[in-house]
């Protein structure tokens, strides 16, 4: 007879039939619930408390925390380190892997190490060029690109082997993701690029910031025409703008981020631009939620992480459910399954 046991954050959940990982993010998406992930701003520090403090603002509000891997080609605490710290206390993490900094030997080792530490979700990225960061003399690697990286992780998981052909004794049970950018030219190619990533192994994707709903709708029209929304979970990037000045800077300096004039004009006309930026983000999320084929949002609130809980709450996208937090004694879905099994066995 089964029984409900206290949830141990150091122990992975059982892998459900039809799932490739033991992770909660995959469970949420496969249940058809609108998922919320968030990006953690990594510290320039070796103190684990700095990571825990930054993650605390997301607790109970997101289904997964992304740990960036040298975002913008700048050095911070590693994605591996952050995921190890957060996974061992129960957070669902998304470990980012950038081809810029790692060759295939390091990447495959990091996937095994991350999976062994409880990381269920991996996001495959090409990575910004080193010239974009504060150490432009660094030597870029780019042994793989994002497509071949996706295929590498899928090969490790599904075929239990390294790229060399050598056998992996215990393959990583992982949920594999990639990045998309519907808002960068050539626009007609972007859905085809998604199709290539799905063919290579992407099960979920996260997009660059979205501030143009009509542009997103045109992209999703084509995605649905190709049937890609039924083959991959699509999470759209969102985030609050701090001011009209910040919006103009982002539009001019961050590749692939398109911010229409009406958004900037709305910020300029507000008496409290930061508050209006939060309101715009909520409005965008509510519109994104209604677009067929979109499975969730990815929150990127750089230096405004404290607003994530308010934005998620005020947008109403969780519809009364609460993602994991440290006050939960059990994983609700696992507990329910165990109760049903116990009833059926008596």
Protein backbone atom coordinates (compact mmCIF):
# COMPACT_ATOMS: atom_id res chain seq x y z
CA UNK A 1 0.00 0.00 0.00
CA UNK A 2 1.43 3.39 -0.99
CA UNK A 3 1.56 6.31 1.35
CA UNK A 4 2.15 10.04 1.07
CA UNK A 5 5.63 10.97 2.22
CA UNK A 6 6.96 14.46 2.96
CA UNK A 7 8.41 16.14 -0.12
CA UNK A 8 12.19 15.98 -0.08
CA UNK A 9 13.57 18.73 -2.34
CA UNK A 10 16.82 16.83 -2.72
CA UNK A 11 14.99 13.84 -4.25
CA UNK A 12 13.67 14.04 -7.83
CA UNK A 13 10.01 13.40 -8.61
CA UNK A 14 9.11 10.16 -10.36
CA UNK A 15 9.19 10.37 -14.14
CA UNK A 16 5.68 10.16 -15.54
CA UNK A 17 4.76 8.05 -18.58
CA UNK A 18 5.35 10.01 -21.78
CA UNK A 19 7.69 12.48 -20.04
CA UNK A 20 11.41 12.71 -20.65
CA UNK A 21 12.29 14.34 -17.32
CA UNK A 22 11.27 14.27 -13.68
CA UNK A 23 10.85 18.04 -13.66
CA UNK A 24 7.88 20.16 -12.62
CA UNK A 25 8.12 22.49 -15.62
CA UNK A 26 7.45 19.63 -18.01
CA UNK A 27 4.53 18.47 -15.82
CA UNK A 28 2.93 21.91 -15.86
CA UNK A 29 3.24 22.21 -19.63
CA UNK A 30 1.96 18.71 -20.37
CA UNK A 31 -1.06 19.34 -18.12
CA UNK A 32 -1.93 22.27 -20.36
CA UNK A 33 -1.46 24.90 -17.67
CA UNK A 34 -0.04 28.28 -18.64
CA UNK A 35 3.58 28.13 -17.45
CA UNK A 36 5.66 30.95 -16.01
CA UNK A 37 9.45 30.92 -15.99
CA UNK A 38 11.78 33.70 -14.90
CA UNK A 39 15.38 34.67 -15.48
CA UNK A 40 17.64 35.05 -12.47
CA UNK A 41 20.21 37.84 -12.60
CA UNK A 42 23.41 35.95 -11.66
CA UNK A 43 25.67 37.46 -9.00
CA UNK A 44 29.31 38.49 -9.39
CA UNK A 45 29.98 36.57 -6.21
CA UNK A 46 30.94 33.19 -4.77
CA UNK A 47 28.45 33.54 -1.90
CA UNK A 48 25.50 31.11 -2.23
CA UNK A 49 23.34 33.45 -0.15
CA UNK A 50 23.43 35.95 -3.01
CA UNK A 51 21.77 33.32 -5.24
CA UNK A 52 19.18 32.35 -2.61
CA UNK A 53 18.23 35.99 -2.03
CA UNK A 54 17.72 36.62 -5.73
CA UNK A 55 15.66 33.45 -6.16
CA UNK A 56 13.47 34.20 -3.12
CA UNK A 57 11.44 36.83 -5.00
CA UNK A 58 10.32 34.15 -7.50
CA UNK A 59 9.31 31.54 -4.95
CA UNK A 60 5.68 30.49 -5.30
CA UNK A 61 5.24 32.50 -8.51
CA UNK A 62 7.17 30.72 -11.26
CA UNK A 63 7.43 27.16 -12.57
CA UNK A 64 11.11 27.38 -13.44
CA UNK A 65 14.11 29.65 -12.88
CA UNK A 66 16.55 30.20 -15.75
CA UNK A 67 20.21 30.51 -14.80
CA UNK A 68 21.95 32.43 -17.58
CA UNK A 69 25.26 31.28 -19.03
CA UNK A 70 27.44 34.35 -19.52
CA UNK A 71 24.58 36.46 -20.83
CA UNK A 72 25.76 39.30 -23.04
CA UNK A 73 29.23 37.68 -23.07
CA UNK A 74 29.84 38.96 -19.53
CA UNK A 75 31.15 36.77 -16.73
CA UNK A 76 29.00 36.00 -13.67
CA UNK A 77 28.44 32.95 -11.48
CA UNK A 78 28.00 29.97 -13.78
CA UNK A 79 24.67 28.50 -14.79
CA UNK A 80 25.85 25.14 -13.46
CA UNK A 81 26.64 26.64 -10.05
CA UNK A 82 23.33 28.47 -9.74
CA UNK A 83 21.32 25.43 -10.82
CA UNK A 84 23.18 23.22 -8.34
CA UNK A 85 22.42 25.61 -5.47
CA UNK A 86 18.75 26.08 -6.34
CA UNK A 87 17.99 22.48 -7.30
CA UNK A 88 19.19 21.12 -3.98
CA UNK A 89 16.65 23.24 -2.08
CA UNK A 90 13.78 22.32 -4.41
CA UNK A 91 13.54 24.96 -7.14
CA UNK A 92 12.91 23.85 -10.71
CA UNK A 93 15.80 25.24 -12.72
CA UNK A 94 16.57 25.75 -16.40
CA UNK A 95 20.28 25.39 -17.07
CA UNK A 96 21.42 27.46 -20.02
CA UNK A 97 24.30 26.23 -22.19
CA UNK A 98 26.09 28.65 -24.51
CA UNK A 99 28.12 27.32 -27.42
CA UNK A 100 30.31 30.40 -27.22
CA UNK A 101 32.21 29.19 -24.15
CA UNK A 102 32.18 25.38 -24.22
CA UNK A 103 33.31 22.70 -26.63
CA UNK A 104 31.42 19.44 -27.08
CA UNK A 105 33.49 17.62 -24.47
CA UNK A 106 32.70 20.19 -21.77
CA UNK A 107 29.06 20.45 -22.81
CA UNK A 108 28.38 16.73 -22.59
CA UNK A 109 30.09 16.52 -19.21
CA UNK A 110 28.11 19.49 -17.91
CA UNK A 111 24.83 17.91 -19.03
CA UNK A 112 25.62 14.74 -17.09
CA UNK A 113 26.73 16.76 -14.06
CA UNK A 114 23.69 19.02 -14.14
CA UNK A 115 21.29 16.10 -14.50
CA UNK A 116 22.98 14.28 -11.62
CA UNK A 117 22.37 17.34 -9.43
CA UNK A 118 18.66 17.37 -10.21
CA UNK A 119 18.50 19.79 -13.15
CA UNK A 120 15.67 18.63 -15.40
CA UNK A 121 15.56 21.45 -17.98
CA UNK A 122 18.32 22.58 -20.36
CA UNK A 123 18.18 25.55 -22.74
CA UNK A 124 20.48 25.38 -25.78
CA UNK A 125 21.92 28.69 -27.00
CA UNK A 126 24.50 29.76 -29.54
CA UNK A 127 25.53 32.68 -27.31
CA UNK A 128 26.41 36.31 -27.94
CA UNK A 129 29.77 37.02 -29.55
CA UNK A 130 32.60 37.90 -27.15
CA UNK A 131 32.83 41.37 -28.68
CA UNK A 132 29.48 42.17 -27.01
CA UNK A 133 30.90 41.72 -23.51
CA UNK A 134 33.47 43.33 -21.24
CA UNK A 135 36.25 40.87 -22.16
CA UNK A 136 36.39 41.10 -25.96
CA UNK A 137 39.86 39.50 -26.07
CA UNK A 138 38.40 36.19 -24.83
CA UNK A 139 38.69 33.27 -27.25
CA UNK A 140 35.26 32.15 -28.53
CA UNK A 141 34.64 28.42 -28.93
CA UNK A 142 31.50 27.80 -31.05
CA UNK A 143 32.41 24.13 -31.49
CA UNK A 144 28.66 23.55 -31.86
CA UNK A 145 25.76 25.82 -32.76
CA UNK A 146 22.30 25.79 -31.20
CA UNK A 147 20.95 23.20 -33.65
CA UNK A 148 23.81 20.73 -33.20
CA UNK A 149 23.69 21.37 -29.44
CA UNK A 150 20.03 20.37 -29.33
CA UNK A 151 20.82 17.23 -31.29
CA UNK A 152 23.70 16.45 -28.91
CA UNK A 153 21.47 16.55 -25.83
CA UNK A 154 18.80 14.48 -27.54
CA UNK A 155 21.41 11.90 -28.58
CA UNK A 156 22.68 11.64 -25.01
CA UNK A 157 19.17 11.20 -23.62
CA UNK A 158 17.50 9.02 -26.24
CA UNK A 159 20.42 6.96 -27.53
CA UNK A 160 22.46 6.75 -24.30
CA UNK A 161 25.67 7.70 -26.05
CA UNK A 162 28.15 10.52 -26.41
CA UNK A 163 28.83 12.07 -29.81
CA UNK A 164 31.90 9.85 -30.01
CA UNK A 165 29.60 6.81 -29.93
CA UNK A 166 30.73 5.74 -26.46
CA UNK A 167 27.91 4.43 -24.28
CA UNK A 168 26.43 6.43 -21.40
CA UNK A 169 25.60 4.02 -18.58
CA UNK A 170 22.78 6.19 -17.14
CA UNK A 171 21.47 8.74 -19.65
CA UNK A 172 20.24 12.16 -18.48
CA UNK A 173 16.47 12.37 -18.04
CA UNK A 174 15.98 15.90 -19.32
CA UNK A 175 13.54 18.33 -20.95
CA UNK A 176 15.29 20.10 -23.82
CA UNK A 177 14.70 23.70 -24.83
CA UNK A 178 15.87 26.28 -27.33
CA UNK A 179 15.51 29.99 -28.04
CA UNK A 180 13.44 31.76 -30.69
CA UNK A 181 13.19 35.35 -31.85
CA UNK A 182 10.01 36.14 -33.80
CA UNK A 183 10.87 39.85 -33.75
CA UNK A 184 14.11 39.87 -35.77
CA UNK A 185 14.39 39.76 -39.56
CA UNK A 186 14.08 37.81 -41.74
CA UNK A 187 10.60 37.36 -40.29
CA UNK A 188 9.41 34.74 -42.78
CA UNK A 189 12.33 32.51 -41.84
CA UNK A 190 11.66 32.50 -38.08
CA UNK A 191 8.94 29.80 -38.09
CA UNK A 192 11.15 27.64 -40.31
CA UNK A 193 14.00 28.11 -37.83
CA UNK A 194 11.68 26.88 -35.07
CA UNK A 195 10.87 23.83 -37.19
CA UNK A 196 14.60 23.07 -37.49
CA UNK A 197 15.04 23.31 -33.73
CA UNK A 198 12.09 21.01 -33.11
CA UNK A 199 13.54 18.50 -35.57
CA UNK A 200 16.84 18.69 -33.69
CA UNK A 201 15.19 17.95 -30.34
CA UNK A 202 13.63 21.10 -28.86
CA UNK A 203 10.62 20.29 -26.68
CA UNK A 204 10.11 23.84 -25.43
CA UNK A 205 11.33 27.25 -26.56
CA UNK A 206 11.63 30.66 -24.95
CA UNK A 207 11.54 33.85 -26.98
CA UNK A 208 13.22 37.24 -26.89
CA UNK A 209 11.19 40.10 -25.34
CA UNK A 210 7.79 40.68 -26.93
CA UNK A 211 6.41 44.24 -27.09
CA UNK A 212 4.60 43.95 -30.43
CA UNK A 213 1.49 41.75 -30.25
CA UNK A 214 0.53 42.05 -33.96
CA UNK A 215 4.02 40.89 -34.95
CA UNK A 216 3.73 37.95 -32.54
CA UNK A 217 0.29 37.07 -33.93
CA UNK A 218 1.65 36.96 -37.48
CA UNK A 219 4.46 34.67 -36.34
CA UNK A 220 2.04 32.37 -34.51
CA UNK A 221 -0.29 32.24 -37.53
CA UNK A 222 2.55 30.69 -39.51
CA UNK A 223 3.59 28.46 -36.60
CA UNK A 224 0.05 27.07 -36.42
CA UNK A 225 -0.08 26.64 -40.21
CA UNK A 226 2.98 24.42 -39.89
CA UNK A 227 1.55 22.58 -36.87
CA UNK A 228 4.60 23.46 -34.78
CA UNK A 229 2.58 24.51 -31.72
CA UNK A 230 1.56 20.87 -31.33
CA UNK A 231 5.16 19.68 -31.41
CA UNK A 232 6.78 22.12 -28.99
CA UNK A 233 5.79 24.29 -26.01
CA UNK A 234 6.23 27.98 -26.85
CA UNK A 235 6.97 30.46 -24.04
CA UNK A 236 7.07 34.14 -24.95
CA UNK A 237 9.54 36.52 -23.32
CA UNK A 238 8.12 39.47 -21.41
CA UNK A 239 9.48 42.06 -19.02
CA UNK A 240 8.73 45.47 -17.49
CA UNK A 241 10.33 48.56 -18.98
CA UNK A 242 11.74 50.95 -16.35
CA UNK A 243 11.29 54.12 -18.42
CA UNK A 244 10.90 55.52 -21.91
CA UNK A 245 14.62 56.27 -21.93
CA UNK A 246 15.43 52.65 -21.08
CA UNK A 247 13.04 51.47 -23.80
CA UNK A 248 14.74 53.63 -26.42
CA UNK A 249 18.16 52.36 -25.35
CA UNK A 250 17.05 48.72 -25.54
CA UNK A 251 15.50 49.26 -28.96
CA UNK A 252 18.73 50.77 -30.29
CA UNK A 253 21.27 48.50 -28.58
CA UNK A 254 19.79 45.04 -27.94
CA UNK A 255 19.63 42.96 -31.14
CA UNK A 256 16.26 41.41 -31.90
CA UNK A 257 14.18 43.49 -29.47
CA UNK A 258 11.48 45.47 -31.26
CA UNK A 259 9.67 48.11 -29.17
CA UNK A 260 6.97 49.98 -31.15
CA UNK A 261 6.59 53.75 -30.85
CA UNK A 262 3.18 53.51 -29.09
CA UNK A 263 4.79 51.62 -26.19
CA UNK A 264 7.43 54.33 -25.76
CA UNK A 265 4.83 57.08 -26.11
CA UNK A 266 2.71 55.43 -23.42
CA UNK A 267 5.70 55.44 -21.07
CA UNK A 268 6.54 59.06 -21.89
CA UNK A 269 2.98 60.12 -21.09
CA UNK A 270 2.93 58.49 -17.65
CA UNK A 271 3.59 60.35 -14.43
CA UNK A 272 5.20 57.23 -12.96
CA UNK A 273 7.03 55.52 -15.85
CA UNK A 274 8.20 52.50 -13.83
CA UNK A 275 4.65 51.80 -12.70
CA UNK A 276 3.40 52.20 -16.26
CA UNK A 277 6.10 49.82 -17.47
CA UNK A 278 4.74 47.21 -15.07
CA UNK A 279 1.19 47.86 -16.31
CA UNK A 280 2.30 47.48 -19.94
CA UNK A 281 3.90 44.14 -19.09
CA UNK A 282 0.67 42.92 -17.46
CA UNK A 283 -1.36 44.03 -20.48
CA UNK A 284 1.00 42.22 -22.85
CA UNK A 285 0.87 39.01 -20.81
CA UNK A 286 -2.91 39.02 -20.83
CA UNK A 287 -2.95 39.45 -24.62
CA UNK A 288 -0.28 36.78 -25.12
CA UNK A 289 -2.31 34.39 -22.97
CA UNK A 290 -5.15 34.53 -25.51
CA UNK A 291 -3.05 33.60 -28.56
CA UNK A 292 -3.59 30.00 -29.62
CA UNK A 293 -0.48 27.85 -29.39
CA UNK A 294 1.35 29.81 -26.70
CA UNK A 295 2.05 27.70 -23.62
CA UNK A 296 3.48 30.27 -21.22
CA UNK A 297 5.64 33.33 -20.64
CA UNK A 298 9.28 33.78 -19.73
CA UNK A 299 9.80 36.75 -17.39
CA UNK A 300 12.98 38.77 -17.86
CA UNK A 301 12.85 41.60 -15.32
CA UNK A 302 16.47 42.71 -15.26
CA UNK A 303 17.10 44.70 -12.04
CA UNK A 304 13.34 44.70 -11.44
CA UNK A 305 12.99 41.12 -10.21
CA UNK A 306 10.96 42.31 -7.21
CA UNK A 307 8.10 43.15 -9.64
CA UNK A 308 7.71 39.58 -10.94
CA UNK A 309 5.34 38.43 -8.18
CA UNK A 310 3.12 41.52 -8.63
CA UNK A 311 3.04 41.13 -12.40
CA UNK A 312 2.19 37.43 -12.27
CA UNK A 313 -0.47 38.02 -9.58
CA UNK A 314 -2.09 41.02 -11.28
CA UNK A 315 -2.11 39.35 -14.70
CA UNK A 316 -4.14 36.43 -13.33
CA UNK A 317 -2.33 33.89 -15.51
CA UNK A 318 -1.88 31.33 -12.74
CA UNK A 319 -5.67 31.06 -12.35
CA UNK A 320 -5.50 30.24 -8.67
CA UNK A 321 -2.74 27.65 -8.74
CA UNK A 322 0.55 28.21 -6.94
CA UNK A 323 3.91 26.99 -8.23
CA UNK A 324 6.27 25.23 -5.84
CA UNK A 325 7.53 27.00 -2.74
CA UNK A 326 9.45 25.80 0.28
CA UNK A 327 6.33 25.72 2.44
CA UNK A 328 4.87 22.87 0.38
CA UNK A 329 5.18 19.55 2.20
CA UNK A 330 4.47 17.45 -0.88
CA UNK A 331 4.31 17.80 -4.60
CA UNK A 332 0.52 18.12 -5.14
CA UNK A 333 0.32 16.01 -8.27
CA UNK A 334 2.47 13.21 -6.85
CA UNK A 335 0.45 13.25 -3.61
CA UNK A 336 -2.84 12.97 -5.53
CA UNK A 337 -1.52 10.06 -7.58
CA UNK A 338 -0.46 8.26 -4.41
CA UNK A 339 -3.86 8.83 -2.81
CA UNK A 340 -5.65 7.41 -5.87
CA UNK A 341 -3.33 4.39 -5.90
CA UNK A 342 -4.02 3.77 -2.22
CA UNK A 343 -7.80 4.01 -2.71
CA UNK A 344 -7.68 1.63 -5.67
CA UNK A 345 -5.62 -0.90 -3.73
CA UNK A 346 -8.08 -1.11 -0.79
